[in-house]
Amino acid sequence: MSQISFDDLFQEEKKLERTISDTPSPLQNNILELVRRGETSALSICEHLIKLGKFSDERFSTNKPKAYGKICLALDKMTRDGLLIFVEDIDKKDRIYKLNC
């Protein structure tokens, strides 16, 4: 009878993790569509998603959408997953991304 080692379990978990992360979420699909249409600004992507009804139009006193942080987290994950490339941070007010083609 063969036993499974911790390393084997860890490798199986990593395979499952990769499979799950290879499947874009609905939010990631919406973002990818906007980037393919030429939207590169995180703030602009956020505003478009608000107009599409994907997020509420709640805002901070600076007028930045409250959804901006969630959008940036999704963009950063997509960058780690190799879908996007982070281009620049514009004075901590906006971030620019592009497709990794």
N, C-alpha and C. Protein backbone atom coordinates (compact mmCIF):
# COMPACT_ATOMS: atom_id res chain seq x y z
N MET A 1 0.84 -1.17 0.00
CA MET A 1 0.00 0.00 0.00
C MET A 1 0.89 1.24 0.00
N SER A 2 0.60 2.18 -0.88
CA SER A 2 1.44 3.36 -1.00
C SER A 2 0.84 4.52 -0.21
N GLN A 3 1.71 5.30 0.42
CA GLN A 3 1.27 6.44 1.20
C GLN A 3 1.53 7.73 0.43
N ILE A 4 0.71 8.72 0.71
CA ILE A 4 0.88 10.04 0.09
C ILE A 4 1.68 10.91 1.05
N SER A 5 2.72 11.51 0.53
CA SER A 5 3.54 12.39 1.37
C SER A 5 2.93 13.79 1.41
N PHE A 6 3.43 14.62 2.33
CA PHE A 6 3.00 16.01 2.40
C PHE A 6 3.37 16.74 1.12
N ASP A 7 4.52 16.41 0.55
CA ASP A 7 4.94 17.03 -0.71
C ASP A 7 3.95 16.73 -1.83
N ASP A 8 3.46 15.48 -1.87
CA ASP A 8 2.48 15.10 -2.88
C ASP A 8 1.18 15.90 -2.70
N LEU A 9 0.75 16.03 -1.45
CA LEU A 9 -0.46 16.81 -1.18
C LEU A 9 -0.27 18.27 -1.57
N PHE A 10 0.90 18.81 -1.28
CA PHE A 10 1.21 20.19 -1.60
C PHE A 10 1.19 20.39 -3.12
N GLN A 11 1.76 19.47 -3.87
CA GLN A 11 1.78 19.56 -5.33
C GLN A 11 0.36 19.49 -5.90
N GLU A 12 -0.47 18.62 -5.35
CA GLU A 12 -1.86 18.52 -5.81
C GLU A 12 -2.61 19.84 -5.55
N GLU A 13 -2.37 20.43 -4.38
CA GLU A 13 -3.00 21.70 -4.04
C GLU A 13 -2.56 22.79 -5.02
N LYS A 14 -1.29 22.82 -5.36
CA LYS A 14 -0.76 23.81 -6.31
C LYS A 14 -1.41 23.63 -7.69
N LYS A 15 -1.59 22.38 -8.12
CA LYS A 15 -2.23 22.13 -9.41
C LYS A 15 -3.66 22.65 -9.40
N LEU A 16 -4.38 22.40 -8.32
CA LEU A 16 -5.75 22.86 -8.19
C LEU A 16 -5.80 24.38 -8.19
N GLU A 17 -4.88 25.01 -7.47
CA GLU A 17 -4.80 26.46 -7.40
C GLU A 17 -4.60 27.06 -8.78
N ARG A 18 -3.68 26.48 -9.56
CA ARG A 18 -3.42 26.97 -10.92
C ARG A 18 -4.66 26.82 -11.79
N THR A 19 -5.36 25.72 -11.66
CA THR A 19 -6.56 25.49 -12.46
C THR A 19 -7.61 26.53 -12.13
N ILE A 20 -7.80 26.80 -10.86
CA ILE A 20 -8.79 27.79 -10.43
C ILE A 20 -8.39 29.17 -10.91
N SER A 21 -7.12 29.55 -10.78
CA SER A 21 -6.70 30.88 -11.17
C SER A 21 -6.64 31.04 -12.69
N ASP A 22 -6.60 29.92 -13.44
CA ASP A 22 -6.59 30.00 -14.90
C ASP A 22 -7.97 30.36 -15.45
N THR A 23 -9.00 30.22 -14.64
CA THR A 23 -10.36 30.53 -15.08
C THR A 23 -10.70 31.94 -14.62
N PRO A 24 -10.78 32.89 -15.58
CA PRO A 24 -11.08 34.28 -15.18
C PRO A 24 -12.47 34.41 -14.58
N SER A 25 -12.58 35.27 -13.57
CA SER A 25 -13.86 35.55 -12.93
C SER A 25 -14.67 36.46 -13.86
N PRO A 26 -15.97 36.62 -13.59
CA PRO A 26 -16.77 37.55 -14.39
C PRO A 26 -16.19 38.97 -14.35
N LEU A 27 -15.70 39.39 -13.18
CA LEU A 27 -15.08 40.72 -13.08
C LEU A 27 -13.85 40.80 -13.97
N GLN A 28 -13.00 39.77 -13.94
CA GLN A 28 -11.81 39.77 -14.78
C GLN A 28 -12.18 39.79 -16.26
N ASN A 29 -13.24 39.07 -16.63
CA ASN A 29 -13.68 39.10 -18.03
C ASN A 29 -14.15 40.49 -18.43
N ASN A 30 -14.89 41.17 -17.54
CA ASN A 30 -15.31 42.55 -17.82
C ASN A 30 -14.11 43.48 -17.99
N ILE A 31 -13.13 43.32 -17.11
CA ILE A 31 -11.93 44.16 -17.18
C ILE A 31 -11.17 43.88 -18.46
N LEU A 32 -10.99 42.60 -18.80
CA LEU A 32 -10.28 42.25 -20.03
C LEU A 32 -10.95 42.85 -21.27
N GLU A 33 -12.27 42.82 -21.29
CA GLU A 33 -12.99 43.40 -22.42
C GLU A 33 -12.72 44.90 -22.53
N LEU A 34 -12.72 45.61 -21.40
CA LEU A 34 -12.44 47.05 -21.41
C LEU A 34 -11.00 47.33 -21.85
N VAL A 35 -10.06 46.53 -21.37
CA VAL A 35 -8.65 46.73 -21.75
C VAL A 35 -8.47 46.46 -23.25
N ARG A 36 -9.15 45.44 -23.76
CA ARG A 36 -9.08 45.15 -25.20
C ARG A 36 -9.63 46.30 -26.04
N ARG A 37 -10.59 47.04 -25.48
CA ARG A 37 -11.16 48.20 -26.17
C ARG A 37 -10.30 49.45 -26.02
N GLY A 38 -9.20 49.33 -25.29
CA GLY A 38 -8.30 50.47 -25.18
C GLY A 38 -8.26 51.18 -23.85
N GLU A 39 -9.06 50.74 -22.89
CA GLU A 39 -9.03 51.35 -21.55
C GLU A 39 -7.80 50.82 -20.82
N THR A 40 -6.94 51.72 -20.38
CA THR A 40 -5.72 51.29 -19.69
C THR A 40 -5.65 51.81 -18.26
N SER A 41 -6.45 52.80 -17.94
CA SER A 41 -6.45 53.43 -16.63
C SER A 41 -7.36 52.67 -15.66
N ALA A 42 -6.85 52.39 -14.48
CA ALA A 42 -7.65 51.71 -13.45
C ALA A 42 -8.88 52.55 -13.09
N LEU A 43 -8.71 53.85 -13.01
CA LEU A 43 -9.83 54.74 -12.67
C LEU A 43 -10.88 54.73 -13.78
N SER A 44 -10.44 54.75 -15.01
CA SER A 44 -11.36 54.72 -16.15
C SER A 44 -12.10 53.38 -16.21
N ILE A 45 -11.38 52.29 -15.97
CA ILE A 45 -12.01 50.96 -15.93
C ILE A 45 -13.06 50.93 -14.83
N CYS A 46 -12.74 51.48 -13.68
CA CYS A 46 -13.67 51.53 -12.55
C CYS A 46 -14.92 52.32 -12.93
N GLU A 47 -14.75 53.48 -13.56
CA GLU A 47 -15.89 54.31 -13.96
C GLU A 47 -16.77 53.57 -14.97
N HIS A 48 -16.17 52.86 -15.91
CA HIS A 48 -16.95 52.08 -16.88
C HIS A 48 -17.75 50.97 -16.19
N LEU A 49 -17.13 50.29 -15.24
CA LEU A 49 -17.82 49.21 -14.53
C LEU A 49 -18.97 49.76 -13.69
N ILE A 50 -18.82 50.96 -13.17
CA ILE A 50 -19.91 51.61 -12.43
C ILE A 50 -21.05 51.90 -13.40
N LYS A 51 -20.73 52.45 -14.58
CA LYS A 51 -21.76 52.75 -15.58
C LYS A 51 -22.49 51.49 -16.04
N LEU A 52 -21.77 50.36 -16.07
CA LEU A 52 -22.38 49.09 -16.46
C LEU A 52 -23.21 48.47 -15.33
N GLY A 53 -23.18 49.09 -14.15
CA GLY A 53 -23.96 48.60 -13.01
C GLY A 53 -23.28 47.48 -12.24
N LYS A 54 -21.98 47.28 -12.47
CA LYS A 54 -21.25 46.21 -11.78
C LYS A 54 -20.86 46.60 -10.35
N PHE A 55 -20.75 47.92 -10.10
CA PHE A 55 -20.41 48.45 -8.78
C PHE A 55 -21.27 49.66 -8.50
N SER A 56 -21.42 49.98 -7.21
CA SER A 56 -22.20 51.17 -6.85
C SER A 56 -21.37 52.43 -7.14
N ASP A 57 -22.06 53.55 -7.21
CA ASP A 57 -21.40 54.82 -7.50
C ASP A 57 -21.00 55.56 -6.21
N GLU A 58 -20.87 54.82 -5.10
CA GLU A 58 -20.44 55.46 -3.86
C GLU A 58 -19.03 56.01 -4.04
N ARG A 59 -18.79 57.17 -3.43
CA ARG A 59 -17.49 57.83 -3.59
C ARG A 59 -16.94 58.33 -2.27
N PHE A 60 -15.61 58.46 -2.24
CA PHE A 60 -14.94 59.08 -1.10
C PHE A 60 -15.06 60.60 -1.25
N SER A 61 -14.67 61.35 -0.23
CA SER A 61 -14.74 62.81 -0.30
C SER A 61 -13.82 63.37 -1.40
N THR A 62 -12.86 62.58 -1.84
CA THR A 62 -11.96 62.99 -2.93
C THR A 62 -12.61 62.77 -4.30
N ASN A 63 -13.82 62.22 -4.31
CA ASN A 63 -14.59 61.87 -5.50
C ASN A 63 -14.10 60.59 -6.20
N LYS A 64 -13.13 59.91 -5.60
CA LYS A 64 -12.68 58.63 -6.15
C LYS A 64 -13.72 57.57 -5.77
N PRO A 65 -14.08 56.70 -6.72
CA PRO A 65 -15.06 55.65 -6.41
C PRO A 65 -14.55 54.71 -5.32
N LYS A 66 -15.46 54.29 -4.45
CA LYS A 66 -15.08 53.34 -3.40
C LYS A 66 -14.70 51.99 -3.99
N ALA A 67 -15.16 51.69 -5.18
CA ALA A 67 -14.84 50.42 -5.85
C ALA A 67 -13.42 50.40 -6.41
N TYR A 68 -12.75 51.55 -6.44
CA TYR A 68 -11.41 51.65 -7.03
C TYR A 68 -10.43 50.65 -6.42
N GLY A 69 -10.45 50.48 -5.13
CA GLY A 69 -9.54 49.54 -4.46
C GLY A 69 -9.77 48.10 -4.92
N LYS A 70 -11.04 47.71 -5.05
CA LYS A 70 -11.37 46.36 -5.51
C LYS A 70 -10.90 46.15 -6.95
N ILE A 71 -11.07 47.18 -7.77
CA ILE A 71 -10.64 47.08 -9.17
C ILE A 71 -9.13 46.94 -9.23
N CYS A 72 -8.40 47.72 -8.43
CA CYS A 72 -6.94 47.63 -8.41
C CYS A 72 -6.47 46.25 -7.94
N LEU A 73 -7.15 45.69 -6.94
CA LEU A 73 -6.80 44.34 -6.49
C LEU A 73 -6.99 43.32 -7.61
N ALA A 74 -8.09 43.45 -8.34
CA ALA A 74 -8.36 42.54 -9.46
C ALA A 74 -7.31 42.73 -10.56
N LEU A 75 -6.96 43.98 -10.85
CA LEU A 75 -5.93 44.27 -11.87
C LEU A 75 -4.58 43.70 -11.45
N ASP A 76 -4.23 43.84 -10.18
CA ASP A 76 -2.96 43.30 -9.68
C ASP A 76 -2.93 41.77 -9.77
N LYS A 77 -4.05 41.13 -9.45
CA LYS A 77 -4.12 39.67 -9.57
C LYS A 77 -3.97 39.25 -11.03
N MET A 78 -4.60 39.98 -11.92
CA MET A 78 -4.50 39.68 -13.34
C MET A 78 -3.06 39.88 -13.84
N THR A 79 -2.37 40.83 -13.23
CA THR A 79 -0.95 41.04 -13.57
C THR A 79 -0.12 39.85 -13.08
N ARG A 80 -0.37 39.41 -11.84
CA ARG A 80 0.35 38.24 -11.32
C ARG A 80 0.06 36.99 -12.13
N ASP A 81 -1.17 36.88 -12.65
CA ASP A 81 -1.56 35.73 -13.45
C ASP A 81 -1.05 35.81 -14.89
N GLY A 82 -0.42 36.93 -15.24
CA GLY A 82 0.16 37.07 -16.57
C GLY A 82 -0.78 37.58 -17.64
N LEU A 83 -1.99 38.01 -17.25
CA LEU A 83 -2.94 38.53 -18.24
C LEU A 83 -2.66 39.98 -18.61
N LEU A 84 -2.19 40.75 -17.64
CA LEU A 84 -1.92 42.18 -17.83
C LEU A 84 -0.48 42.51 -17.44
N ILE A 85 -0.05 43.69 -17.85
CA ILE A 85 1.25 44.23 -17.44
C ILE A 85 0.99 45.57 -16.77
N PHE A 86 1.57 45.77 -15.58
CA PHE A 86 1.48 47.06 -14.89
C PHE A 86 2.45 48.00 -15.57
N VAL A 87 1.96 49.17 -16.00
CA VAL A 87 2.79 50.13 -16.73
C VAL A 87 3.33 51.21 -15.80
N GLU A 88 2.42 51.90 -15.08
CA GLU A 88 2.88 52.97 -14.18
C GLU A 88 1.82 53.36 -13.17
N ASP A 89 2.30 53.99 -12.12
CA ASP A 89 1.46 54.57 -11.08
C ASP A 89 1.55 56.08 -11.26
N ILE A 90 0.43 56.73 -11.51
CA ILE A 90 0.43 58.17 -11.77
C ILE A 90 0.14 58.92 -10.48
N ASP A 91 1.18 59.35 -9.81
CA ASP A 91 1.07 60.17 -8.58
C ASP A 91 0.09 59.63 -7.55
N LYS A 92 0.01 58.31 -7.42
CA LYS A 92 -0.89 57.65 -6.45
C LYS A 92 -2.36 57.96 -6.72
N LYS A 93 -2.68 58.55 -7.89
CA LYS A 93 -4.06 58.89 -8.22
C LYS A 93 -4.68 57.89 -9.19
N ASP A 94 -3.86 57.24 -9.97
CA ASP A 94 -4.35 56.28 -10.96
C ASP A 94 -3.22 55.32 -11.31
N ARG A 95 -3.58 54.21 -11.94
CA ARG A 95 -2.61 53.21 -12.36
C ARG A 95 -2.91 52.83 -13.80
N ILE A 96 -1.87 52.55 -14.55
CA ILE A 96 -2.02 52.19 -15.96
C ILE A 96 -1.58 50.75 -16.16
N TYR A 97 -2.37 50.01 -16.93
CA TYR A 97 -2.11 48.61 -17.25
C TYR A 97 -2.26 48.42 -18.76
N LYS A 98 -1.69 47.33 -19.26
CA LYS A 98 -1.92 46.96 -20.65
C LYS A 98 -1.97 45.44 -20.76
N LEU A 99 -2.52 44.98 -21.88
CA LEU A 99 -2.60 43.54 -22.11
C LEU A 99 -1.21 42.94 -22.25
N ASN A 100 -1.04 41.75 -21.74
CA ASN A 100 0.22 41.03 -21.90
C ASN A 100 0.05 40.11 -23.11
N CYS A 101 0.37 40.64 -24.30
CA CYS A 101 0.18 39.81 -25.49
C CYS A 101 1.46 39.32 -26.09
